[in-house]
Amino acid sequence: MQTLTLRAPAKLNLYLKVLNKRPDAFHNIETVFEKISLCDTISLKKRKAGIKVFCRHKDVPKDKTNLCFQAAKLLLAKAKRREGIEIRITKKIPVAAGLGGGSSDAASVLLGLNKLLLLGLRRSELFSLAQTLGADVPFFLLGQIRALGLGKGEELRSLRLKRKNWYVLIIPRGLKVSTRRMYQHPRLTLTKAPGSVKIVLRALEKGDLTTLNKYTYNSFEQILRKEYKEIQKIKKALKTSGAVATIMSGSGPCVFGMAQTRKEAMDISNRLKAQEKDWQVIVASTFNIKGGISNHGDHRGKNFFTR
């Protein structure tokens, strides 16, 4: 095997509460992760020497600052291998939107190279490498669609919730949010959630969108919507169009809402596209974990729609 192609799914945070600052300057959080059908494609190919990253997206670095480059370098060093590797990234996940695209891409490189180079590293060894790359990276190594994230987000408890959800995502074009600045905000840990993460987990298990509409929560959103009126505008537009449980993902600026069915999600999407041209509107569903790694082809999720 000389090449390998993988799907790298985006994630949504269905609940995200920042608890407190840790002695190591990071923050403890409670979050509910879910992988969705919006995917990047990562293609890996053996080469004689060196790590090369290729991507047509102008905002994705191609040098050693790229998280995929760092993942490959860590893994090759761990395995004491001298092979080179070519990494081609086809971006579908919006960059710096709170959807975890860079982290998912890096996790796919760890999983893919372990398979491509027949390294035989255990999942626990890959997790150790993932933790050094970023707090979200370990989640994308899980063979589960959903997880409760604790600590910095790297302490994971798999959630075996079988229900498939439909989402409408809106990313305002041109709005950039610094995750570092959000974590440094003095009011971050002072915001109060309307309920506990347990309520959200029970509602997800039952498919109770009414309860989710009341208790989905994101600490970053409470701060960001006061600074950027666009966040509030998006939430209002989603609700008016029929979406429920509207919330920002990660540190933003992506805001999403839930729908009961694919048809309902598509109808909401069409109304929003007609309303505002400066928003990227995407419909996605819960990720299908099967078929994540393949030897060829572009295995983008079937349940993927974008403007």
Protein backbone atom coordinates (compact mmCIF):
# COMPACT_ATOMS: atom_id res chain seq x y z
CA MET A 1 0.00 0.00 0.00
CA GLN A 2 1.50 3.30 -1.14
CA THR A 3 -1.42 5.69 -0.56
CA LEU A 4 -4.31 6.04 1.85
CA THR A 5 -7.34 8.35 1.87
CA LEU A 6 -9.35 9.23 4.95
CA ARG A 7 -12.39 11.27 5.88
CA ALA A 8 -11.76 13.81 8.64
CA PRO A 9 -15.12 14.85 10.14
CA ALA A 10 -15.93 18.18 11.75
CA LYS A 11 -17.29 18.32 15.28
CA LEU A 12 -19.97 20.29 17.06
CA ASN A 13 -20.05 21.15 20.76
CA LEU A 14 -23.62 20.48 21.89
CA TYR A 15 -22.70 21.78 25.35
CA LEU A 16 -19.56 23.64 26.41
CA LYS A 17 -19.01 25.01 29.89
CA VAL A 18 -15.68 26.52 30.95
CA LEU A 19 -15.31 25.68 34.65
CA ASN A 20 -12.09 27.22 35.93
CA LYS A 21 -8.47 28.02 35.15
CA ARG A 22 -5.91 25.33 35.90
CA PRO A 23 -2.43 25.74 37.42
CA ASP A 24 -0.95 24.95 33.97
CA ALA A 25 -2.74 28.04 32.53
CA PHE A 26 -5.27 25.91 30.63
CA HIS A 27 -8.96 25.66 31.60
CA ASN A 28 -11.11 22.79 32.82
CA ILE A 29 -14.22 22.33 30.72
CA GLU A 30 -17.30 20.14 30.34
CA THR A 31 -18.32 19.56 26.76
CA VAL A 32 -20.36 17.21 24.60
CA PHE A 33 -18.67 16.47 21.27
CA GLU A 34 -20.40 15.09 18.19
CA LYS A 35 -18.79 14.24 14.86
CA ILE A 36 -20.79 15.36 11.83
CA SER A 37 -20.92 14.52 8.13
CA LEU A 38 -19.06 17.65 7.05
CA CYS A 39 -15.61 16.26 6.25
CA ASP A 40 -12.17 17.17 4.96
CA THR A 41 -10.32 14.57 2.91
CA ILE A 42 -6.77 13.59 3.88
CA SER A 43 -4.65 11.74 1.35
CA LEU A 44 -1.35 10.20 2.48
CA LYS A 45 1.39 8.97 0.16
CA LYS A 46 4.81 7.54 0.83
CA ARG A 47 7.84 9.46 -0.41
CA LYS A 48 11.59 8.96 -0.01
CA ALA A 49 12.25 11.66 2.56
CA GLY A 50 10.73 14.68 4.26
CA ILE A 51 7.18 15.74 5.06
CA LYS A 52 5.29 17.74 2.45
CA VAL A 53 1.86 19.32 2.96
CA PHE A 54 -0.33 20.36 0.04
CA CYS A 55 -3.60 22.26 0.31
CA ARG A 56 -5.32 24.74 -2.00
CA HIS A 57 -7.03 26.64 0.82
CA LYS A 58 -5.27 29.98 1.28
CA ASP A 59 -5.71 30.00 5.07
CA VAL A 60 -4.14 26.59 5.65
CA PRO A 61 -0.35 26.70 6.30
CA LYS A 62 1.79 24.27 4.33
CA ASP A 63 4.90 24.47 6.54
CA LYS A 64 5.83 23.03 9.93
CA THR A 65 3.13 25.11 11.64
CA ASN A 66 0.48 22.89 10.04
CA LEU A 67 -0.98 20.47 12.60
CA CYS A 68 -0.89 17.60 10.09
CA PHE A 69 2.83 18.20 9.55
CA GLN A 70 3.36 18.14 13.32
CA ALA A 71 1.32 14.94 13.68
CA ALA A 72 3.36 13.19 10.99
CA LYS A 73 6.64 14.36 12.51
CA LEU A 74 5.64 13.15 15.99
CA LEU A 75 4.50 9.77 14.74
CA LEU A 76 7.59 9.12 12.62
CA ALA A 77 9.82 10.08 15.55
CA LYS A 78 7.83 7.85 17.92
CA ALA A 79 8.19 4.89 15.55
CA LYS A 80 11.84 5.75 14.77
CA ARG A 81 11.11 5.71 11.05
CA ARG A 82 12.86 7.75 8.37
CA GLU A 83 10.32 7.53 5.55
CA GLY A 84 8.97 10.66 3.99
CA ILE A 85 5.27 11.38 3.67
CA GLU A 86 3.11 13.52 1.41
CA ILE A 87 -0.07 14.93 2.94
CA ARG A 88 -2.79 16.36 0.71
CA ILE A 89 -5.65 18.17 2.45
CA THR A 90 -8.92 18.86 0.65
CA LYS A 91 -10.77 21.37 2.83
CA LYS A 92 -14.53 21.31 3.19
CA ILE A 93 -14.63 22.25 6.87
CA PRO A 94 -14.48 26.06 7.27
CA VAL A 95 -11.19 27.19 8.80
CA ALA A 96 -11.12 28.71 12.32
CA ALA A 97 -14.88 28.39 12.77
CA GLY A 98 -15.08 26.30 15.96
CA LEU A 99 -15.59 23.04 14.03
CA GLY A 100 -12.26 21.34 14.83
CA GLY A 101 -11.12 20.86 11.23
CA GLY A 102 -7.40 21.19 11.94
CA SER A 103 -7.61 18.82 14.91
CA SER A 104 -9.58 16.25 12.92
CA ASP A 105 -7.08 16.43 10.05
CA ALA A 106 -4.19 15.83 12.47
CA ALA A 107 -5.96 12.87 14.07
CA SER A 108 -6.55 11.39 10.62
CA VAL A 109 -2.83 11.67 9.89
CA LEU A 110 -2.01 9.77 13.10
CA LEU A 111 -4.52 7.02 12.31
CA GLY A 112 -3.65 6.89 8.63
CA LEU A 113 0.13 6.76 8.97
CA ASN A 114 -0.15 4.07 11.63
CA LYS A 115 -2.02 1.98 9.05
CA LEU A 116 -0.11 3.03 5.91
CA LEU A 117 3.33 2.38 7.41
CA LEU A 118 2.21 -0.73 9.33
CA LEU A 119 3.54 0.76 12.57
CA GLY A 120 1.28 -1.24 14.84
CA LEU A 121 1.08 1.46 17.52
CA ARG A 122 -1.64 0.95 20.12
CA ARG A 123 -4.53 3.40 20.37
CA SER A 124 -3.22 4.51 23.78
CA GLU A 125 0.11 5.48 22.17
CA LEU A 126 -1.69 7.51 19.52
CA PHE A 127 -3.71 9.24 22.24
CA SER A 128 -0.52 10.30 23.99
CA LEU A 129 0.71 11.92 20.79
CA ALA A 130 -2.68 13.51 20.14
CA GLN A 131 -2.71 15.22 23.53
CA THR A 132 0.50 17.06 22.69
CA LEU A 133 -1.05 18.38 19.46
CA GLY A 134 -4.20 19.92 20.93
CA ALA A 135 -7.09 19.37 23.33
CA ASP A 136 -9.58 18.44 20.59
CA VAL A 137 -7.33 15.99 18.72
CA PRO A 138 -7.89 12.95 21.03
CA PHE A 139 -11.66 13.07 20.43
CA PHE A 140 -11.16 12.45 16.72
CA LEU A 141 -9.19 9.26 17.50
CA LEU A 142 -12.18 7.75 19.26
CA GLY A 143 -14.14 5.10 17.43
CA GLN A 144 -17.30 6.74 18.74
CA ILE A 145 -19.42 9.52 17.27
CA ARG A 146 -20.11 11.32 20.55
CA ALA A 147 -18.18 11.83 23.77
CA LEU A 148 -18.24 13.78 27.00
CA GLY A 149 -15.04 15.81 27.25
CA LEU A 150 -13.56 16.78 30.62
CA GLY A 151 -10.27 18.29 31.78
CA LYS A 152 -8.99 20.37 28.85
CA GLY A 153 -11.33 18.32 26.67
CA GLU A 154 -8.89 15.45 26.31
CA GLU A 155 -10.41 13.32 29.11
CA LEU A 156 -13.08 11.49 27.15
CA ARG A 157 -16.05 9.31 28.02
CA SER A 158 -17.67 7.67 25.01
CA LEU A 159 -21.39 8.24 24.61
CA ARG A 160 -23.24 5.46 22.82
CA LEU A 161 -26.19 7.57 21.72
CA LYS A 162 -27.64 6.08 18.55
CA ARG A 163 -29.97 8.85 17.41
CA LYS A 164 -29.06 10.63 14.18
CA ASN A 165 -29.33 14.40 14.34
CA TRP A 166 -29.71 17.00 11.58
CA TYR A 167 -28.03 20.39 11.78
CA VAL A 168 -27.99 23.70 9.96
CA LEU A 169 -24.64 25.49 10.36
CA ILE A 170 -24.02 29.16 9.66
CA ILE A 171 -20.53 30.64 9.41
CA PRO A 172 -20.44 34.44 8.96
CA ARG A 173 -17.94 35.25 6.22
CA GLY A 174 -15.07 37.46 7.33
CA LEU A 175 -15.65 37.11 11.08
CA LYS A 176 -12.51 35.77 12.79
CA VAL A 177 -12.41 34.80 16.46
CA SER A 178 -9.24 34.17 18.46
CA THR A 179 -9.62 31.11 20.69
CA ARG A 180 -6.68 32.29 22.78
CA ARG A 181 -8.35 35.66 23.39
CA MET A 182 -11.63 33.99 24.30
CA TYR A 183 -9.92 31.86 26.94
CA GLN A 184 -8.24 34.97 28.36
CA HIS A 185 -11.50 36.88 28.76
CA PRO A 186 -11.96 37.92 32.43
CA ARG A 187 -15.68 37.03 32.47
CA LEU A 188 -15.29 33.60 30.90
CA THR A 189 -15.78 31.48 34.03
CA LEU A 190 -18.45 33.80 35.46
CA THR A 191 -21.15 32.89 32.95
CA LYS A 192 -23.86 30.55 34.29
CA ALA A 193 -25.42 27.64 32.44
CA PRO A 194 -29.22 27.18 32.65
CA GLY A 195 -28.79 23.49 33.48
CA SER A 196 -26.25 20.69 33.81
CA VAL A 197 -24.58 18.60 31.15
CA LYS A 198 -26.53 15.59 32.46
CA ILE A 199 -29.79 17.20 31.34
CA VAL A 200 -28.37 17.70 27.85
CA LEU A 201 -27.14 14.08 27.67
CA ARG A 202 -30.55 12.70 28.70
CA ALA A 203 -32.28 14.91 26.14
CA LEU A 204 -29.88 13.76 23.39
CA GLU A 205 -30.53 10.13 24.26
CA LYS A 206 -34.30 10.64 23.98
CA GLY A 207 -34.17 12.98 21.00
CA ASP A 208 -35.94 15.58 23.13
CA LEU A 209 -35.37 18.77 21.12
CA THR A 210 -37.67 20.78 23.41
CA THR A 211 -35.37 20.19 26.38
CA LEU A 212 -32.27 20.73 24.26
CA ASN A 213 -33.73 24.05 23.16
CA LYS A 214 -33.72 25.14 26.81
CA TYR A 215 -30.41 23.74 28.02
CA THR A 216 -27.81 23.75 25.23
CA TYR A 217 -25.07 26.12 26.35
CA ASN A 218 -21.69 27.56 25.38
CA SER A 219 -19.65 29.75 27.75
CA PHE A 220 -17.89 31.44 24.81
CA GLU A 221 -21.18 32.39 23.19
CA GLN A 222 -22.25 34.33 26.27
CA ILE A 223 -19.22 36.59 25.79
CA LEU A 224 -18.98 36.68 22.02
CA ARG A 225 -22.56 37.64 21.30
CA LYS A 226 -22.09 40.81 23.36
CA GLU A 227 -19.09 41.78 21.23
CA TYR A 228 -20.42 40.69 17.85
CA LYS A 229 -24.05 41.46 17.01
CA GLU A 230 -23.75 39.06 14.07
CA ILE A 231 -23.88 36.07 16.45
CA GLN A 232 -27.23 37.19 17.87
CA LYS A 233 -28.49 37.94 14.37
CA ILE A 234 -27.64 34.40 13.25
CA LYS A 235 -29.28 32.80 16.28
CA LYS A 236 -32.45 34.81 15.71
CA ALA A 237 -32.50 33.91 12.01
CA LEU A 238 -32.08 30.19 12.78
CA LYS A 239 -34.92 30.26 15.31
CA THR A 240 -37.21 32.24 13.02
CA SER A 241 -36.55 29.76 10.23
CA GLY A 242 -37.54 26.81 12.44
CA ALA A 243 -34.28 25.53 13.96
CA VAL A 244 -34.10 24.69 17.67
CA ALA A 245 -31.31 24.39 20.24
CA THR A 246 -29.32 27.10 18.48
CA ILE A 247 -25.82 27.44 19.88
CA MET A 248 -22.28 28.41 18.91
CA SER A 249 -19.73 25.62 18.40
CA GLY A 250 -16.39 25.82 20.20
CA SER A 251 -15.04 29.35 20.36
CA GLY A 252 -16.99 30.24 17.22
CA PRO A 253 -17.97 31.90 15.10
CA CYS A 254 -20.01 28.99 13.66
CA VAL A 255 -23.56 28.92 15.05
CA PHE A 256 -25.81 25.92 14.45
CA GLY A 257 -29.35 24.78 15.08
CA MET A 258 -31.05 21.38 15.09
CA ALA A 259 -33.86 20.11 12.88
CA GLN A 260 -36.12 17.07 13.16
CA THR A 261 -35.51 15.72 9.65
CA ARG A 262 -33.32 16.16 6.59
CA LYS A 263 -36.17 17.85 4.72
CA GLU A 264 -36.72 20.30 7.57
CA ALA A 265 -32.99 21.07 7.70
CA MET A 266 -32.89 21.68 3.93
CA ASP A 267 -35.95 23.95 4.10
CA ILE A 268 -34.35 26.00 6.88
CA SER A 269 -31.12 26.19 4.90
CA ASN A 270 -32.87 27.41 1.76
CA ARG A 271 -34.69 30.15 3.66
CA LEU A 272 -31.45 31.34 5.25
CA LYS A 273 -29.51 31.33 1.98
CA ALA A 274 -32.16 33.56 0.43
CA GLN A 275 -32.05 35.88 3.43
CA GLU A 276 -28.32 36.59 3.83
CA LYS A 277 -25.53 36.33 1.24
CA ASP A 278 -22.69 36.95 3.72
CA TRP A 279 -23.30 33.67 5.53
CA GLN A 280 -22.01 30.25 4.56
CA VAL A 281 -24.91 27.89 5.20
CA ILE A 282 -24.27 24.14 5.55
CA VAL A 283 -26.57 21.22 6.29
CA ALA A 284 -24.97 18.23 7.99
CA SER A 285 -25.99 15.19 9.98
CA THR A 286 -24.46 12.94 12.60
CA PHE A 287 -21.32 11.31 11.15
CA ASN A 288 -21.46 7.74 9.89
CA ILE A 289 -18.41 6.23 11.57
CA LYS A 290 -18.20 3.35 9.05
CA GLY A 291 -15.84 3.76 6.11
CA GLY A 292 -13.60 6.35 7.74
CA ILE A 293 -10.43 4.95 6.18
CA SER A 294 -10.05 3.76 2.58
CA ASN A 295 -7.29 2.93 0.16
CA HIS A 296 -8.64 5.17 -2.58
CA GLY A 297 -11.20 7.76 -3.52
CA ASP A 298 -12.92 10.69 -1.87
CA HIS A 299 -15.19 9.30 0.84
CA ARG A 300 -16.99 12.46 1.80
CA GLY A 301 -20.13 11.79 3.84
CA LYS A 302 -23.33 11.37 1.82
CA ASN A 303 -25.25 13.64 4.17
CA PHE A 304 -23.36 16.77 3.23
CA PHE A 305 -24.79 19.88 1.64
CA THR A 306 -23.35 23.35 1.29
CA ARG A 307 -23.92 26.51 -0.64
